[in-house]
Amino acid sequence: MKITEFLPLICFVVFCPTLSYAQDTKDKEEKPPVFNYVIDDPMDKFQPQKDTVITYHYTVPEFYFATPRKEKDTTFEFFCYDARDSVMPVVNDFDSVFYYSLYKSYTDSAHTYIDSAGKEQFIPVASIMKRYDRIGKKKWMTIEYPGNKYGELKEKRDIIVARDTVIIPNANGGNICQKIYSYYQLLK
C-alpha cells in the first residue's frame, strides 16, 4: 500500500475523536463561574449610618448647669475660668476650673442704639450675677452681685444630689455626644 492510501485513514483516526469531543462540549451548556464575594457600593457612604454614642461623665458642683437657661427674654449662662482667670471655651476636666461666673443677658427694650447699617436696635445687656471661686481643696467662696454678699461653701463629693444628661447630635449624622453631669452637694 502506498502512503497516499493511508493518509485518509490516518486523518480519520486522528481527527475523529477530536470532532467527537468538540461535539460533546458543544451540546453541553457552559455556565459562568460563580464567585461569592460582596462588592462595596461607594454610594453606601451617603446612606444614614447607625449612630455611635460617645459618653462623657463629669462631676460638678450643684450650683452649675451646663446649658444656658432661658426665662422669658433673659438668658442665664455659666462661664468657666482657669487658674489664670482666663475663660475656658471647652471644659474636659471640671477639677481644673477655678472660677465659675453666672451671667444674665437680655435686651433692654427701653433703650436703643443705631448700628453700623443705620438701623435702630435694642441694647443687649450682660451682667454677672454670681461668682464661685475655689479657695481650697474642698472649699468655695461665693459672691452675689450687685449686693456683694459673700459666703463660703464646703463640697461633699461623695453626696450626689442630682444627675443631668445633655445630648449633642452630630450635624452629619453618625456620632452622638452624650454628657452626663453628676452634681455633688455643697454645704454652708
C-alpha atoms as a PDB file:
ATOM      1  CA  MET A   1       0.000   0.000   0.000  1.00  0.00           C
ATOM      2  CA  LYS A   2       1.057   3.447  -0.746  1.00  0.00           C
ATOM      3  CA  ILE A   3       1.255   6.262   1.686  1.00  0.00           C
ATOM      4  CA  THR A   4      -1.385   8.205  -0.171  1.00  0.00           C
ATOM      5  CA  GLU A   5      -3.872   5.459   0.578  1.00  0.00           C
ATOM      6  CA  PHE A   6      -3.039   5.578   4.287  1.00  0.00           C
ATOM      7  CA  LEU A   7      -3.295   9.339   4.597  1.00  0.00           C
ATOM      8  CA  PRO A   8      -7.108   9.441   4.646  1.00  0.00           C
ATOM      9  CA  LEU A   9      -7.124   6.643   7.206  1.00  0.00           C
ATOM     10  CA  ILE A  10      -4.579   8.391   9.411  1.00  0.00           C
ATOM     11  CA  CYS A  11      -6.566  11.652   9.257  1.00  0.00           C
ATOM     12  CA  PHE A  12      -9.732   9.802  10.157  1.00  0.00           C
ATOM     13  CA  VAL A  13      -8.123   8.115  13.183  1.00  0.00           C
ATOM     14  CA  VAL A  14      -6.527  11.334  14.445  1.00  0.00           C
ATOM     15  CA  PHE A  15      -9.333  13.827  13.888  1.00  0.00           C
ATOM     16  CA  CYS A  16     -12.410  11.689  14.580  1.00  0.00           C
ATOM     17  CA  PRO A  17     -12.041  11.635  18.403  1.00  0.00           C
ATOM     18  CA  THR A  18     -11.369  15.376  18.414  1.00  0.00           C
ATOM     19  CA  LEU A  19     -14.550  16.054  16.472  1.00  0.00           C
ATOM     20  CA  SER A  20     -16.478  13.795  18.804  1.00  0.00           C
ATOM     21  CA  TYR A  21     -15.139  15.654  21.881  1.00  0.00           C
ATOM     22  CA  ALA A  22     -15.942  19.042  20.336  1.00  0.00           C
ATOM     23  CA  GLN A  23     -19.489  17.862  19.581  1.00  0.00           C
ATOM     24  CA  ASP A  24     -19.949  16.695  23.212  1.00  0.00           C
ATOM     25  CA  THR A  25     -18.832  20.007  24.720  1.00  0.00           C
ATOM     26  CA  LYS A  26     -20.929  21.963  22.222  1.00  0.00           C
ATOM     27  CA  ASP A  27     -24.092  20.144  23.317  1.00  0.00           C
ATOM     28  CA  LYS A  28     -23.442  20.939  26.989  1.00  0.00           C
ATOM     29  CA  GLU A  29     -24.403  24.464  28.080  1.00  0.00           C
ATOM     30  CA  GLU A  30     -21.465  26.405  29.507  1.00  0.00           C
ATOM     31  CA  LYS A  31     -22.140  28.116  32.852  1.00  0.00           C
ATOM     32  CA  PRO A  32     -20.207  31.118  34.005  1.00  0.00           C
ATOM     33  CA  PRO A  33     -18.153  30.624  37.173  1.00  0.00           C
ATOM     34  CA  VAL A  34     -19.780  31.750  40.422  1.00  0.00           C
ATOM     35  CA  PHE A  35     -17.798  33.893  42.851  1.00  0.00           C
ATOM     36  CA  ASN A  36     -19.170  34.548  46.327  1.00  0.00           C
ATOM     37  CA  TYR A  37     -17.997  37.982  47.403  1.00  0.00           C
ATOM     38  CA  VAL A  38     -19.622  41.320  48.268  1.00  0.00           C
ATOM     39  CA  ILE A  39     -18.981  44.402  46.230  1.00  0.00           C
ATOM     40  CA  ASP A  40     -18.880  47.598  48.311  1.00  0.00           C
ATOM     41  CA  ASP A  41     -21.161  50.210  46.898  1.00  0.00           C
ATOM     42  CA  PRO A  42     -19.481  53.627  47.091  1.00  0.00           C
ATOM     43  CA  MET A  43     -22.926  55.211  47.492  1.00  0.00           C
ATOM     44  CA  ASP A  44     -23.275  53.467  50.887  1.00  0.00           C
ATOM     45  CA  LYS A  45     -21.143  56.258  52.359  1.00  0.00           C
ATOM     46  CA  PHE A  46     -24.040  58.662  51.759  1.00  0.00           C
ATOM     47  CA  GLN A  47     -26.666  56.486  53.420  1.00  0.00           C
ATOM     48  CA  PRO A  48     -27.661  57.090  57.063  1.00  0.00           C
ATOM     49  CA  GLN A  49     -25.303  55.217  59.353  1.00  0.00           C
ATOM     50  CA  LYS A  50     -26.017  53.710  62.735  1.00  0.00           C
ATOM     51  CA  ASP A  51     -25.439  56.231  65.494  1.00  0.00           C
ATOM     52  CA  THR A  52     -22.441  55.719  67.720  1.00  0.00           C
ATOM     53  CA  VAL A  53     -22.918  57.212  71.175  1.00  0.00           C
ATOM     54  CA  ILE A  54     -19.858  58.716  72.844  1.00  0.00           C
ATOM     55  CA  THR A  55     -20.443  59.238  76.565  1.00  0.00           C
ATOM     56  CA  TYR A  56     -18.555  61.591  78.885  1.00  0.00           C
ATOM     57  CA  HIS A  57     -19.032  61.653  82.675  1.00  0.00           C
ATOM     58  CA  TYR A  58     -18.459  64.838  84.673  1.00  0.00           C
ATOM     59  CA  THR A  59     -18.685  65.566  88.394  1.00  0.00           C
ATOM     60  CA  VAL A  60     -19.589  69.212  89.011  1.00  0.00           C
ATOM     61  CA  PRO A  61     -20.763  71.409  91.910  1.00  0.00           C
ATOM     62  CA  GLU A  62     -24.519  71.572  92.401  1.00  0.00           C
ATOM     63  CA  PHE A  63     -24.761  75.297  91.556  1.00  0.00           C
ATOM     64  CA  TYR A  64     -23.510  74.710  87.991  1.00  0.00           C
ATOM     65  CA  PHE A  65     -25.648  73.983  84.930  1.00  0.00           C
ATOM     66  CA  ALA A  66     -24.146  73.062  81.571  1.00  0.00           C
ATOM     67  CA  THR A  67     -26.590  74.573  79.094  1.00  0.00           C
ATOM     68  CA  PRO A  68     -27.908  78.150  79.112  1.00  0.00           C
ATOM     69  CA  ARG A  69     -31.334  78.586  80.718  1.00  0.00           C
ATOM     70  CA  LYS A  70     -33.942  80.956  79.368  1.00  0.00           C
ATOM     71  CA  GLU A  71     -36.634  82.709  81.365  1.00  0.00           C
ATOM     72  CA  LYS A  72     -38.796  84.805  79.037  1.00  0.00           C
ATOM     73  CA  ASP A  73     -36.294  87.141  77.301  1.00  0.00           C
ATOM     74  CA  THR A  74     -33.490  86.601  79.860  1.00  0.00           C
ATOM     75  CA  THR A  75     -30.719  84.025  79.489  1.00  0.00           C
ATOM     76  CA  PHE A  76     -28.640  82.674  82.388  1.00  0.00           C
ATOM     77  CA  GLU A  77     -25.333  81.055  81.497  1.00  0.00           C
ATOM     78  CA  PHE A  78     -22.230  79.851  83.342  1.00  0.00           C
ATOM     79  CA  PHE A  79     -18.715  80.624  82.161  1.00  0.00           C
ATOM     80  CA  CYS A  80     -15.736  78.648  83.464  1.00  0.00           C
ATOM     81  CA  TYR A  81     -12.283  80.102  84.161  1.00  0.00           C
ATOM     82  CA  ASP A  82      -8.887  78.504  84.769  1.00  0.00           C
ATOM     83  CA  ALA A  83      -6.316  79.418  87.472  1.00  0.00           C
ATOM     84  CA  ARG A  84      -5.152  82.482  85.459  1.00  0.00           C
ATOM     85  CA  ASP A  85      -8.749  83.797  85.300  1.00  0.00           C
ATOM     86  CA  SER A  86      -8.986  83.033  81.548  1.00  0.00           C
ATOM     87  CA  VAL A  87     -12.249  81.823  80.037  1.00  0.00           C
ATOM     88  CA  MET A  88     -12.261  78.106  79.217  1.00  0.00           C
ATOM     89  CA  PRO A  89     -14.288  77.691  75.981  1.00  0.00           C
ATOM     90  CA  VAL A  90     -14.300  73.892  76.359  1.00  0.00           C
ATOM     91  CA  VAL A  91     -14.028  72.125  79.705  1.00  0.00           C
ATOM     92  CA  ASN A  92     -12.909  68.497  79.687  1.00  0.00           C
ATOM     93  CA  ASP A  93     -11.846  68.339  83.341  1.00  0.00           C
ATOM     94  CA  PHE A  94     -14.016  70.281  85.786  1.00  0.00           C
ATOM     95  CA  ASP A  95     -11.378  69.859  88.517  1.00  0.00           C
ATOM     96  CA  SER A  96      -9.280  72.352  86.510  1.00  0.00           C
ATOM     97  CA  VAL A  97     -11.983  75.041  86.812  1.00  0.00           C
ATOM     98  CA  PHE A  98     -11.094  77.628  89.474  1.00  0.00           C
ATOM     99  CA  TYR A  99     -13.890  80.155  88.896  1.00  0.00           C
ATOM    100  CA  TYR A 100     -17.489  79.925  87.741  1.00  0.00           C
ATOM    101  CA  SER A 101     -19.380  83.057  86.751  1.00  0.00           C
ATOM    102  CA  LEU A 102     -23.136  83.151  86.256  1.00  0.00           C
ATOM    103  CA  TYR A 103     -24.107  85.757  83.663  1.00  0.00           C
ATOM    104  CA  LYS A 104     -27.521  87.221  82.988  1.00  0.00           C
ATOM    105  CA  SER A 105     -28.127  88.583  79.479  1.00  0.00           C
ATOM    106  CA  TYR A 106     -31.163  90.252  77.941  1.00  0.00           C
ATOM    107  CA  THR A 107     -32.103  93.059  75.558  1.00  0.00           C
ATOM    108  CA  ASP A 108     -33.066  96.414  77.031  1.00  0.00           C
ATOM    109  CA  SER A 109     -36.239  97.336  75.169  1.00  0.00           C
ATOM    110  CA  ALA A 110     -36.372 100.789  76.793  1.00  0.00           C
ATOM    111  CA  HIS A 111     -33.111 101.972  75.208  1.00  0.00           C
ATOM    112  CA  THR A 112     -31.874 101.748  71.624  1.00  0.00           C
ATOM    113  CA  TYR A 113     -28.764 102.479  69.583  1.00  0.00           C
ATOM    114  CA  ILE A 114     -28.023 102.919  65.880  1.00  0.00           C
ATOM    115  CA  ASP A 115     -26.000 100.022  64.410  1.00  0.00           C
ATOM    116  CA  SER A 116     -23.414 100.228  61.600  1.00  0.00           C
ATOM    117  CA  ALA A 117     -26.151  99.687  58.977  1.00  0.00           C
ATOM    118  CA  GLY A 118     -28.055 102.715  60.312  1.00  0.00           C
ATOM    119  CA  LYS A 119     -30.856 100.677  61.897  1.00  0.00           C
ATOM    120  CA  GLU A 120     -32.168 101.246  65.383  1.00  0.00           C
ATOM    121  CA  GLN A 121     -31.511  98.233  67.674  1.00  0.00           C
ATOM    122  CA  PHE A 122     -32.330  97.415  71.280  1.00  0.00           C
ATOM    123  CA  ILE A 123     -29.318  97.458  73.601  1.00  0.00           C
ATOM    124  CA  PRO A 124     -28.030  93.988  74.606  1.00  0.00           C
ATOM    125  CA  VAL A 125     -27.151  93.835  78.290  1.00  0.00           C
ATOM    126  CA  ALA A 126     -24.976  91.237  80.046  1.00  0.00           C
ATOM    127  CA  SER A 127     -24.030  91.334  83.695  1.00  0.00           C
ATOM    128  CA  ILE A 128     -22.513  88.959  86.204  1.00  0.00           C
ATOM    129  CA  MET A 129     -24.964  87.671  88.813  1.00  0.00           C
ATOM    130  CA  LYS A 130     -22.808  85.307  90.900  1.00  0.00           C
ATOM    131  CA  ARG A 131     -19.246  84.141  91.044  1.00  0.00           C
ATOM    132  CA  TYR A 132     -17.918  80.967  92.650  1.00  0.00           C
ATOM    133  CA  ASP A 133     -14.172  80.854  93.428  1.00  0.00           C
ATOM    134  CA  ARG A 134     -12.254  77.767  94.507  1.00  0.00           C
ATOM    135  CA  ILE A 135     -10.346  78.824  97.646  1.00  0.00           C
ATOM    136  CA  GLY A 136      -9.164  75.443  98.849  1.00  0.00           C
ATOM    137  CA  LYS A 137      -9.194  71.768  98.116  1.00  0.00           C
ATOM    138  CA  LYS A 138     -12.846  71.380  99.156  1.00  0.00           C
ATOM    139  CA  LYS A 139     -13.913  74.995  99.666  1.00  0.00           C
ATOM    140  CA  TRP A 140     -15.681  77.554  97.507  1.00  0.00           C
ATOM    141  CA  MET A 141     -16.287  81.242  98.065  1.00  0.00           C
ATOM    142  CA  THR A 142     -19.484  82.654  96.597  1.00  0.00           C
ATOM    143  CA  ILE A 143     -20.075  86.296  95.718  1.00  0.00           C
ATOM    144  CA  GLU A 144     -23.535  87.583  94.779  1.00  0.00           C
ATOM    145  CA  TYR A 145     -23.677  90.758  92.707  1.00  0.00           C
ATOM    146  CA  PRO A 146     -24.670  93.613  92.821  1.00  0.00           C
ATOM    147  CA  GLY A 147     -25.055  93.436  96.637  1.00  0.00           C
ATOM    148  CA  ASN A 148     -21.588  91.861  97.130  1.00  0.00           C
ATOM    149  CA  LYS A 149     -22.840  89.204  99.525  1.00  0.00           C
ATOM    150  CA  TYR A 150     -20.103  86.746 100.416  1.00  0.00           C
ATOM    151  CA  GLY A 151     -20.403  83.176 101.573  1.00  0.00           C
ATOM    152  CA  GLU A 152     -18.343  80.025 101.943  1.00  0.00           C
ATOM    153  CA  LEU A 153     -19.331  76.562 100.757  1.00  0.00           C
ATOM    154  CA  LYS A 154     -17.811  73.163 101.564  1.00  0.00           C
ATOM    155  CA  GLU A 155     -18.054  70.459  98.941  1.00  0.00           C
ATOM    156  CA  LYS A 156     -19.189  66.920  99.648  1.00  0.00           C
ATOM    157  CA  ARG A 157     -18.154  64.981  96.536  1.00  0.00           C
ATOM    158  CA  ASP A 158     -19.436  61.691  97.914  1.00  0.00           C
ATOM    159  CA  ILE A 159     -23.030  63.013  98.055  1.00  0.00           C
ATOM    160  CA  ILE A 160     -24.585  63.249  94.577  1.00  0.00           C
ATOM    161  CA  VAL A 161     -27.749  65.368  94.688  1.00  0.00           C
ATOM    162  CA  ALA A 162     -28.747  65.213  91.005  1.00  0.00           C
ATOM    163  CA  ARG A 163     -27.791  63.971  87.556  1.00  0.00           C
ATOM    164  CA  ASP A 164     -28.349  65.580  84.194  1.00  0.00           C
ATOM    165  CA  THR A 165     -27.758  64.366  80.649  1.00  0.00           C
ATOM    166  CA  VAL A 166     -27.025  66.623  77.698  1.00  0.00           C
ATOM    167  CA  ILE A 167     -27.227  65.015  74.242  1.00  0.00           C
ATOM    168  CA  ILE A 168     -25.431  66.720  71.369  1.00  0.00           C
ATOM    169  CA  PRO A 169     -26.230  65.138  67.975  1.00  0.00           C
ATOM    170  CA  ASN A 170     -23.639  65.304  65.224  1.00  0.00           C
ATOM    171  CA  ALA A 171     -24.817  67.511  62.356  1.00  0.00           C
ATOM    172  CA  ASN A 172     -23.517  64.985  59.812  1.00  0.00           C
ATOM    173  CA  GLY A 173     -25.241  62.048  61.460  1.00  0.00           C
ATOM    174  CA  GLY A 174     -23.328  59.168  62.907  1.00  0.00           C
ATOM    175  CA  ASN A 175     -21.820  60.083  66.251  1.00  0.00           C
ATOM    176  CA  ILE A 176     -23.796  61.477  69.143  1.00  0.00           C
ATOM    177  CA  CYS A 177     -22.090  63.045  72.129  1.00  0.00           C
ATOM    178  CA  GLN A 178     -23.758  62.332  75.455  1.00  0.00           C
ATOM    179  CA  LYS A 179     -22.554  64.267  78.501  1.00  0.00           C
ATOM    180  CA  ILE A 180     -23.654  63.048  81.916  1.00  0.00           C
ATOM    181  CA  TYR A 181     -23.275  65.551  84.769  1.00  0.00           C
ATOM    182  CA  SER A 182     -23.316  64.353  88.385  1.00  0.00           C
ATOM    183  CA  TYR A 183     -23.862  67.240  90.817  1.00  0.00           C
ATOM    184  CA  TYR A 184     -22.208  66.965  94.213  1.00  0.00           C
ATOM    185  CA  GLN A 185     -23.512  68.681  97.323  1.00  0.00           C
ATOM    186  CA  LEU A 186     -22.238  71.991  98.739  1.00  0.00           C
ATOM    187  CA  LEU A 187     -22.885  72.946 102.364  1.00  0.00           C
ATOM    188  CA  LYS A 188     -22.709  76.384 104.030  1.00  0.00           C
END
